[in-house]
Amino acid sequence: MTPPDESLTATVPEARPGSAGAARRKVTGRLVAMDGLRFGAAAAVLLYHFTATSTVTSYWGADPVRAFPLLNEVTRYGWLGVELFFVISGFVILLSADGRGIAGFVASRVGRLFPAYWACIVLTVGLQQFWSGGRQTNLTETLVNLTMVQDLFDVTGVQVVFWTLLVELKFYLLVLAVLALGPLTRNRVLAFATIWPLAGWAAQELGAHWLADWLVPVYAPYFAVGMLLFLAYRDGFDLVTSTLLAGGLVLCVMRVLEAAGRASDLQGVPVDPVIAVMIMLASIVAVWASTLRGRNAPPRRVATVLGTVGALTYPVYLVHTQFGYAVIDVLAHETTRTVALFAAGALSLALAVAIHYGVERPTSTRLRKAVQAGLLRCSSALRSKGLMRAWDDVRT
């Protein structure tokens, strides 16, 4: 998933008349509607983990469908919040990378991803000292988790949702490869959004498991759709973009149909594939609608609220499983299930507030600037030795 950052505030300069980018429009302002959409996706994932997954059965003392018979009819589809996050990420990450060099992009991602992530690990390790349930990791496993690539070494993630961050990192590596070729031109974005999902599908079908693992074919179509929506937002829709977007939606539908079967098996309840597809398509439409520029900006209070919940999305997503499960485990037999559910959500939100205001805001910008300065110094050193000039010659 994509953490909230400055990438939702965009200023894209208008191109000179007659230039290759003449179709670009001036884009300014924060996409506050997308902030709210991201928090909604996080809430869907949270409720899915608390009231639908088989894991939570041992904490409630009953199957989720029996514990929450009405709510479960809806929350059993909450896993689609992750797919929505990937669509948003495809849009937001290109919006963030557009006009930035490699150093700026890497620094932006490090500054936004790691402070909250490290804070979540520290808090979770503290929880593990008092709660014997959930995921238990030893010192070595915890240290490997700090890298965010623990899944590459088959090390258990400290929190359930950490696997999605590696998917995001693989996407970032592909974005870096595109940035290494130069600016995010229309043709490069179109090629990226087309080749990646198809290459991943081909690797999967041909049994090239190592390549498929890096190209994440199961989730590539969602990122691709987000990238094409970014292109439409920046440059406007045209026949090629619209056609490729339609193709990307078809791939997304195919992936959701496959995932619905797996979700049914995982939860032990029927997950209607038609409903899952409708939710996914409605979510993509919502992402597109959140990028539309109307004449009137939302009221300041509304924009402030949406911006605040958008800022809390990433830490809520990171901390909610272990801490929520701990609250449910402790309270499920002491009070009503409804109270326990609200308490688990409230603690997740409170921790997110503490992480955002106590960790992210004081450190993210400093870390980003430090990383960017270090990368620029390395680049300067390489240029002085002629290595970067050689690469520039090859690229041009």
Protein backbone atom coordinates (compact mmCIF):
# COMPACT_ATOMS: atom_id res chain seq x y z
CA MET A 1 0.00 0.00 0.00
CA THR A 2 0.99 3.57 -0.50
CA PRO A 3 1.60 5.73 2.56
CA PRO A 4 0.19 9.27 2.52
CA ASP A 5 2.70 11.84 1.40
CA GLU A 6 3.26 14.90 -0.70
CA SER A 7 2.61 12.81 -3.81
CA LEU A 8 -1.09 13.66 -3.58
CA THR A 9 -0.23 17.30 -4.05
CA ALA A 10 0.79 17.78 -7.64
CA THR A 11 1.94 20.61 -9.81
CA VAL A 12 2.54 19.56 -13.40
CA PRO A 13 3.81 22.42 -15.59
CA GLU A 14 2.08 23.09 -18.86
CA ALA A 15 4.10 22.04 -21.89
CA ARG A 16 5.23 24.46 -24.54
CA PRO A 17 2.91 24.62 -27.56
CA GLY A 18 3.95 22.12 -30.17
CA SER A 19 6.14 20.12 -27.79
CA ALA A 20 5.80 16.37 -27.28
CA GLY A 21 3.98 16.96 -24.02
CA ALA A 22 1.68 19.69 -25.28
CA ALA A 23 -1.37 17.71 -24.20
CA ARG A 24 -0.43 18.06 -20.54
CA ARG A 25 -2.65 20.19 -18.41
CA LYS A 26 -1.70 22.23 -15.40
CA VAL A 27 -2.49 20.17 -12.31
CA THR A 28 -2.43 21.70 -8.86
CA GLY A 29 -3.93 21.00 -5.47
CA ARG A 30 -4.27 18.02 -3.18
CA LEU A 31 -6.46 15.08 -4.10
CA VAL A 32 -8.28 15.03 -0.78
CA ALA A 33 -10.97 12.65 -2.02
CA MET A 34 -8.29 10.03 -2.58
CA ASP A 35 -7.14 10.53 1.02
CA GLY A 36 -10.60 9.50 2.17
CA LEU A 37 -10.67 6.62 -0.28
CA ARG A 38 -7.41 5.24 1.08
CA PHE A 39 -8.64 5.40 4.65
CA GLY A 40 -11.79 3.60 3.59
CA ALA A 41 -9.65 0.85 2.06
CA ALA A 42 -7.67 0.56 5.30
CA ALA A 43 -10.90 0.35 7.30
CA ALA A 44 -12.14 -2.43 4.98
CA VAL A 45 -8.94 -4.41 5.51
CA LEU A 46 -9.12 -3.85 9.28
CA LEU A 47 -12.72 -5.10 9.49
CA TYR A 48 -11.84 -8.03 7.25
CA HIS A 49 -9.08 -9.11 9.64
CA PHE A 50 -11.25 -8.60 12.74
CA THR A 51 -14.53 -10.12 11.51
CA ALA A 52 -13.86 -12.36 8.51
CA THR A 53 -10.50 -14.14 8.51
CA SER A 54 -10.18 -17.64 9.91
CA THR A 55 -7.24 -16.44 12.04
CA VAL A 56 -9.48 -14.41 14.31
CA THR A 57 -11.62 -17.43 15.19
CA SER A 58 -9.33 -18.42 18.06
CA TYR A 59 -9.57 -14.93 19.56
CA TRP A 60 -13.36 -14.59 19.33
CA GLY A 61 -13.91 -18.18 20.39
CA ALA A 62 -16.24 -18.62 17.42
CA ASP A 63 -16.20 -18.47 13.65
CA PRO A 64 -16.44 -14.85 12.47
CA VAL A 65 -19.61 -15.65 10.52
CA ARG A 66 -21.25 -16.76 13.76
CA ALA A 67 -19.76 -13.97 15.83
CA PHE A 68 -20.91 -11.26 13.36
CA PRO A 69 -23.52 -12.87 11.07
CA LEU A 70 -24.72 -9.63 9.47
CA LEU A 71 -21.44 -7.69 9.39
CA ASN A 72 -19.57 -10.67 7.98
CA GLU A 73 -21.79 -10.64 4.88
CA VAL A 74 -20.03 -7.38 3.97
CA THR A 75 -16.58 -7.66 5.56
CA ARG A 76 -15.82 -11.00 3.90
CA TYR A 77 -15.04 -8.82 0.84
CA GLY A 78 -12.69 -6.53 2.78
CA TRP A 79 -9.60 -8.19 1.24
CA LEU A 80 -10.38 -6.16 -1.87
CA GLY A 81 -9.08 -3.15 0.03
CA VAL A 82 -5.57 -4.39 -0.73
CA GLU A 83 -6.34 -4.49 -4.46
CA LEU A 84 -7.68 -0.95 -4.15
CA PHE A 85 -4.46 0.12 -2.43
CA PHE A 86 -2.45 -1.21 -5.36
CA VAL A 87 -4.58 0.72 -7.88
CA ILE A 88 -4.10 3.90 -5.84
CA SER A 89 -0.38 3.15 -5.56
CA GLY A 90 -0.04 2.89 -9.35
CA PHE A 91 -1.52 6.38 -9.60
CA VAL A 92 0.16 8.02 -6.62
CA ILE A 93 3.67 6.66 -7.11
CA LEU A 94 3.85 7.88 -10.70
CA LEU A 95 2.43 11.21 -9.57
CA SER A 96 5.19 11.36 -6.97
CA ALA A 97 7.91 10.26 -9.42
CA ASP A 98 6.86 12.58 -12.25
CA GLY A 99 9.44 15.35 -12.54
CA ARG A 100 11.75 13.74 -10.00
CA GLY A 101 15.08 12.12 -10.57
CA ILE A 102 16.10 8.75 -9.17
CA ALA A 103 17.60 10.24 -6.01
CA GLY A 104 14.49 12.27 -5.28
CA PHE A 105 12.18 9.31 -5.86
CA VAL A 106 14.19 6.89 -3.69
CA ALA A 107 14.50 9.44 -0.91
CA SER A 108 10.78 10.14 -1.01
CA ARG A 109 9.91 6.46 -0.66
CA VAL A 110 12.42 5.81 2.13
CA GLY A 111 11.29 8.87 4.05
CA ARG A 112 7.65 7.87 3.84
CA LEU A 113 7.82 4.11 4.28
CA PHE A 114 10.37 3.42 6.97
CA PRO A 115 9.77 5.71 9.99
CA ALA A 116 6.23 4.44 10.61
CA TYR A 117 7.27 0.91 9.69
CA TRP A 118 10.15 0.83 12.17
CA ALA A 119 7.93 2.36 14.86
CA CYS A 120 5.34 -0.34 14.23
CA ILE A 121 7.97 -3.06 14.67
CA VAL A 122 9.20 -1.57 17.95
CA LEU A 123 5.66 -1.29 19.30
CA THR A 124 4.78 -4.81 18.21
CA VAL A 125 7.89 -6.28 19.83
CA GLY A 126 6.85 -4.48 23.01
CA LEU A 127 3.37 -6.04 22.73
CA GLN A 128 4.90 -9.48 22.35
CA GLN A 129 6.51 -9.14 25.76
CA PHE A 130 3.06 -9.08 27.37
CA TRP A 131 0.88 -11.09 24.98
CA SER A 132 1.65 -14.66 24.03
CA GLY A 133 -0.78 -14.84 21.09
CA GLY A 134 -0.37 -13.74 17.49
CA ARG A 135 2.95 -13.79 15.69
CA GLN A 136 6.02 -14.33 17.82
CA THR A 137 9.42 -13.50 16.30
CA ASN A 138 12.88 -13.95 17.76
CA LEU A 139 15.58 -11.29 17.74
CA THR A 140 17.07 -12.35 14.40
CA GLU A 141 13.68 -12.44 12.70
CA THR A 142 12.81 -9.03 14.13
CA LEU A 143 16.04 -7.51 12.84
CA VAL A 144 15.43 -8.97 9.37
CA ASN A 145 11.95 -7.41 9.47
CA LEU A 146 13.57 -3.99 9.73
CA THR A 147 14.68 -4.35 6.10
CA MET A 148 11.09 -4.76 4.85
CA VAL A 149 12.21 -7.67 2.63
CA GLN A 150 11.88 -10.46 5.19
CA ASP A 151 9.67 -12.49 2.84
CA LEU A 152 12.63 -12.90 0.49
CA PHE A 153 14.31 -14.90 3.27
CA ASP A 154 11.16 -16.79 4.35
CA VAL A 155 11.16 -14.90 7.64
CA THR A 156 7.82 -14.33 9.35
CA GLY A 157 6.56 -10.76 9.17
CA VAL A 158 6.03 -9.07 12.53
CA GLN A 159 2.57 -8.00 11.32
CA VAL A 160 0.28 -9.91 8.97
CA VAL A 161 0.06 -7.15 6.36
CA PHE A 162 3.80 -6.70 5.88
CA TRP A 163 3.78 -8.97 2.82
CA THR A 164 2.08 -6.24 0.81
CA LEU A 165 5.01 -3.89 1.38
CA LEU A 166 7.34 -6.20 -0.52
CA VAL A 167 4.90 -6.13 -3.44
CA GLU A 168 5.10 -2.33 -3.29
CA LEU A 169 8.91 -2.42 -3.22
CA LYS A 170 8.99 -4.57 -6.34
CA PHE A 171 6.79 -1.98 -8.05
CA TYR A 172 9.17 0.76 -6.94
CA LEU A 173 12.11 -1.10 -8.46
CA LEU A 174 10.30 -1.21 -11.79
CA VAL A 175 9.54 2.51 -11.54
CA LEU A 176 13.24 3.11 -10.89
CA ALA A 177 14.09 1.14 -14.03
CA VAL A 178 11.76 3.38 -16.03
CA LEU A 179 13.15 6.54 -14.43
CA ALA A 180 16.66 5.39 -15.34
CA LEU A 181 15.60 5.76 -18.98
CA GLY A 182 14.55 9.36 -18.48
CA PRO A 183 11.38 11.34 -17.63
CA LEU A 184 7.97 9.69 -17.39
CA THR A 185 6.83 10.44 -20.91
CA ARG A 186 3.46 9.27 -22.18
CA ASN A 187 4.98 6.49 -24.28
CA ARG A 188 7.11 5.21 -21.41
CA VAL A 189 4.14 5.05 -19.06
CA LEU A 190 2.01 3.32 -21.71
CA ALA A 191 4.75 0.78 -22.36
CA PHE A 192 5.31 0.22 -18.64
CA ALA A 193 1.61 -0.31 -17.92
CA THR A 194 1.29 -2.71 -20.85
CA ILE A 195 4.47 -4.77 -20.74
CA TRP A 196 4.61 -5.39 -16.99
CA PRO A 197 1.29 -7.27 -16.54
CA LEU A 198 1.77 -9.21 -19.78
CA ALA A 199 5.35 -10.17 -18.92
CA GLY A 200 4.24 -11.30 -15.48
CA TRP A 201 1.42 -13.37 -16.96
CA ALA A 202 3.81 -14.94 -19.50
CA ALA A 203 6.36 -15.78 -16.80
CA GLN A 204 3.63 -17.40 -14.75
CA GLU A 205 2.29 -19.45 -17.65
CA LEU A 206 5.76 -20.54 -18.78
CA GLY A 207 6.72 -21.68 -15.30
CA ALA A 208 9.49 -19.09 -14.84
CA HIS A 209 8.72 -18.89 -11.14
CA TRP A 210 11.69 -16.73 -10.15
CA LEU A 211 10.72 -14.10 -12.72
CA ALA A 212 7.03 -14.31 -11.89
CA ASP A 213 7.89 -13.82 -8.23
CA TRP A 214 9.54 -10.48 -9.06
CA LEU A 215 6.89 -9.37 -11.54
CA VAL A 216 3.98 -10.21 -9.16
CA PRO A 217 1.53 -11.05 -11.98
CA VAL A 218 -1.35 -11.49 -9.53
CA TYR A 219 -1.23 -7.79 -8.61
CA ALA A 220 0.47 -6.13 -11.60
CA PRO A 221 -2.84 -5.35 -13.40
CA TYR A 222 -4.03 -3.22 -10.47
CA PHE A 223 -0.88 -1.11 -10.50
CA ALA A 224 -1.15 -0.84 -14.29
CA VAL A 225 -4.71 0.47 -14.11
CA GLY A 226 -3.59 3.06 -11.55
CA MET A 227 -0.74 4.15 -13.82
CA LEU A 228 -3.09 4.57 -16.76
CA LEU A 229 -5.45 6.62 -14.60
CA PHE A 230 -2.46 8.80 -13.70
CA LEU A 231 -1.71 9.26 -17.38
CA ALA A 232 -5.32 10.21 -18.08
CA TYR A 233 -5.21 12.63 -15.14
CA ARG A 234 -2.01 14.25 -16.35
CA ASP A 235 -2.45 14.19 -20.12
CA GLY A 236 -6.15 13.45 -20.65
CA PHE A 237 -7.83 10.40 -22.14
CA ASP A 238 -7.12 9.38 -25.72
CA LEU A 239 -7.86 6.27 -27.76
CA VAL A 240 -4.65 4.43 -26.82
CA THR A 241 -4.91 5.16 -23.10
CA SER A 242 -8.60 4.23 -23.05
CA THR A 243 -8.00 0.99 -24.94
CA LEU A 244 -5.16 -0.08 -22.67
CA LEU A 245 -7.22 0.86 -19.63
CA ALA A 246 -10.04 -1.38 -20.85
CA GLY A 247 -7.54 -4.20 -21.29
CA GLY A 248 -6.17 -3.61 -17.80
CA LEU A 249 -9.68 -3.80 -16.36
CA VAL A 250 -10.20 -7.14 -18.06
CA LEU A 251 -7.03 -8.46 -16.44
CA CYS A 252 -8.18 -7.13 -13.07
CA VAL A 253 -11.52 -8.90 -13.45
CA MET A 254 -9.71 -12.16 -14.22
CA ARG A 255 -7.52 -11.78 -11.15
CA VAL A 256 -10.46 -11.00 -8.88
CA LEU A 257 -12.37 -14.04 -10.13
CA GLU A 258 -9.37 -16.19 -9.23
CA ALA A 259 -8.93 -14.49 -5.85
CA ALA A 260 -12.60 -14.90 -4.92
CA GLY A 261 -12.21 -18.68 -4.97
CA ARG A 262 -9.14 -18.48 -2.76
CA ALA A 263 -10.98 -16.11 -0.40
CA SER A 264 -13.84 -18.61 -0.09
CA ASP A 265 -11.43 -21.40 0.81
CA LEU A 266 -9.53 -19.21 3.28
CA GLN A 267 -12.59 -17.94 5.11
CA GLY A 268 -14.75 -21.05 4.84
CA VAL A 269 -17.71 -19.01 3.60
CA PRO A 270 -18.96 -18.33 0.07
CA VAL A 271 -17.39 -15.24 -1.51
CA ASP A 272 -19.50 -14.34 -4.54
CA PRO A 273 -17.13 -13.66 -7.47
CA VAL A 274 -19.67 -11.41 -9.18
CA ILE A 275 -20.00 -9.22 -6.10
CA ALA A 276 -16.20 -9.16 -5.74
CA VAL A 277 -15.82 -7.99 -9.35
CA MET A 278 -18.48 -5.31 -8.87
CA ILE A 279 -16.73 -4.01 -5.75
CA MET A 280 -13.39 -3.95 -7.54
CA LEU A 281 -14.76 -2.08 -10.56
CA ALA A 282 -16.63 0.37 -8.32
CA SER A 283 -13.39 0.99 -6.42
CA ILE A 284 -11.51 1.78 -9.63
CA VAL A 285 -14.28 4.14 -10.69
CA ALA A 286 -13.98 5.81 -7.28
CA VAL A 287 -10.24 6.30 -7.81
CA TRP A 288 -10.91 7.89 -11.18
CA ALA A 289 -13.69 10.08 -9.73
CA SER A 290 -11.38 11.26 -6.94
CA THR A 291 -9.04 12.72 -9.58
CA LEU A 292 -11.69 14.80 -11.34
CA ARG A 293 -11.18 18.52 -10.96
CA GLY A 294 -14.44 20.31 -10.31
CA ARG A 295 -15.00 24.01 -10.17
CA ASN A 296 -15.33 24.15 -6.41
CA ALA A 297 -12.84 22.84 -3.88
CA PRO A 298 -14.29 20.95 -0.89
CA PRO A 299 -14.96 22.97 2.25
CA ARG A 300 -11.84 23.57 4.27
CA ARG A 301 -13.06 21.48 7.19
CA VAL A 302 -13.85 18.55 4.91
CA ALA A 303 -10.45 18.83 3.25
CA THR A 304 -8.77 18.94 6.67
CA VAL A 305 -10.59 15.83 7.86
CA LEU A 306 -9.82 13.91 4.69
CA GLY A 307 -6.18 14.98 4.81
CA THR A 308 -5.93 13.86 8.44
CA VAL A 309 -7.46 10.42 7.88
CA GLY A 310 -5.30 10.04 4.79
CA ALA A 311 -2.22 10.70 6.92
CA LEU A 312 -3.34 8.01 9.39
CA THR A 313 -3.99 5.36 6.75
CA TYR A 314 -0.50 3.88 6.58
CA PRO A 315 0.10 3.53 10.36
CA VAL A 316 -3.42 2.13 10.89
CA TYR A 317 -2.73 -0.43 8.20
CA LEU A 318 0.60 -1.38 9.74
CA VAL A 319 -0.40 -1.87 13.38
CA HIS A 320 -3.97 -3.10 13.37
CA THR A 321 -3.63 -6.90 13.20
CA GLN A 322 -1.41 -7.78 16.17
CA PHE A 323 -2.79 -5.07 18.43
CA GLY A 324 -6.37 -5.65 17.34
CA TYR A 325 -6.08 -9.38 17.87
CA ALA A 326 -4.59 -8.79 21.33
CA VAL A 327 -7.53 -6.57 22.34
CA ILE A 328 -10.03 -9.09 21.00
CA ASP A 329 -8.25 -11.94 22.77
CA VAL A 330 -8.39 -10.09 26.09
CA LEU A 331 -11.88 -8.58 25.86
CA ALA A 332 -13.92 -11.07 23.82
CA HIS A 333 -14.83 -13.10 26.91
CA GLU A 334 -15.05 -10.14 29.28
CA THR A 335 -17.51 -7.94 27.43
CA THR A 336 -19.73 -7.97 24.36
CA ARG A 337 -18.19 -8.69 20.98
CA THR A 338 -19.32 -5.30 19.69
CA VAL A 339 -17.44 -3.51 22.48
CA ALA A 340 -14.35 -5.65 21.86
CA LEU A 341 -14.50 -4.87 18.14
CA PHE A 342 -14.76 -1.12 18.73
CA ALA A 343 -11.94 -1.29 21.29
CA ALA A 344 -9.66 -3.09 18.79
CA GLY A 345 -10.37 -0.46 16.15
CA ALA A 346 -9.94 2.40 18.62
CA LEU A 347 -6.56 1.13 19.81
CA SER A 348 -5.40 0.74 16.19
CA LEU A 349 -6.43 4.33 15.47
CA ALA A 350 -4.84 5.66 18.66
CA LEU A 351 -1.54 3.97 17.84
CA ALA A 352 -1.73 5.36 14.31
CA VAL A 353 -2.16 8.87 15.70
CA ALA A 354 0.84 8.36 17.99
CA ILE A 355 3.00 7.01 15.16
CA HIS A 356 2.04 9.76 12.72
CA TYR A 357 2.44 12.73 15.05
CA GLY A 358 5.19 11.27 17.23
CA VAL A 359 7.34 9.61 14.57
CA GLU A 360 6.39 10.35 10.97
CA ARG A 361 6.02 14.11 11.17
CA PRO A 362 9.26 14.75 13.09
CA THR A 363 11.44 12.33 11.13
CA SER A 364 10.12 11.66 7.60
CA THR A 365 11.29 14.90 6.02
CA ARG A 366 14.68 14.72 7.73
CA LEU A 367 15.22 11.15 6.58
CA ARG A 368 14.15 12.01 3.03
CA LYS A 369 16.57 14.94 2.86
CA ALA A 370 19.40 12.89 4.32
CA VAL A 371 18.88 10.03 1.87
CA GLN A 372 18.60 12.37 -1.09
CA ALA A 373 21.75 14.25 -0.09
CA GLY A 374 23.64 10.97 0.25
CA LEU A 375 22.47 9.68 -3.12
CA LEU A 376 23.35 12.97 -4.81
CA ARG A 377 26.83 12.82 -3.33
CA CYS A 378 27.24 9.27 -4.65
CA SER A 379 25.98 10.38 -8.06
CA SER A 380 28.39 13.29 -8.08
CA ALA A 381 31.28 10.98 -7.21
CA LEU A 382 30.34 8.60 -10.02
CA ARG A 383 30.05 11.45 -12.48
CA SER A 384 33.49 12.68 -11.52
CA LYS A 385 34.81 9.27 -12.54
CA GLY A 386 32.94 9.37 -15.83
CA LEU A 387 30.62 6.44 -15.02
CA MET A 388 27.41 8.45 -15.01
CA ARG A 389 28.41 10.32 -18.16
CA ALA A 390 28.86 6.97 -19.91
CA TRP A 391 25.35 5.93 -18.80
CA ASP A 392 23.90 9.23 -20.01
CA ASP A 393 25.51 8.62 -23.40
CA VAL A 394 24.03 5.12 -23.60
CA ARG A 395 20.57 6.36 -22.56
CA THR A 396 20.53 9.13 -25.14
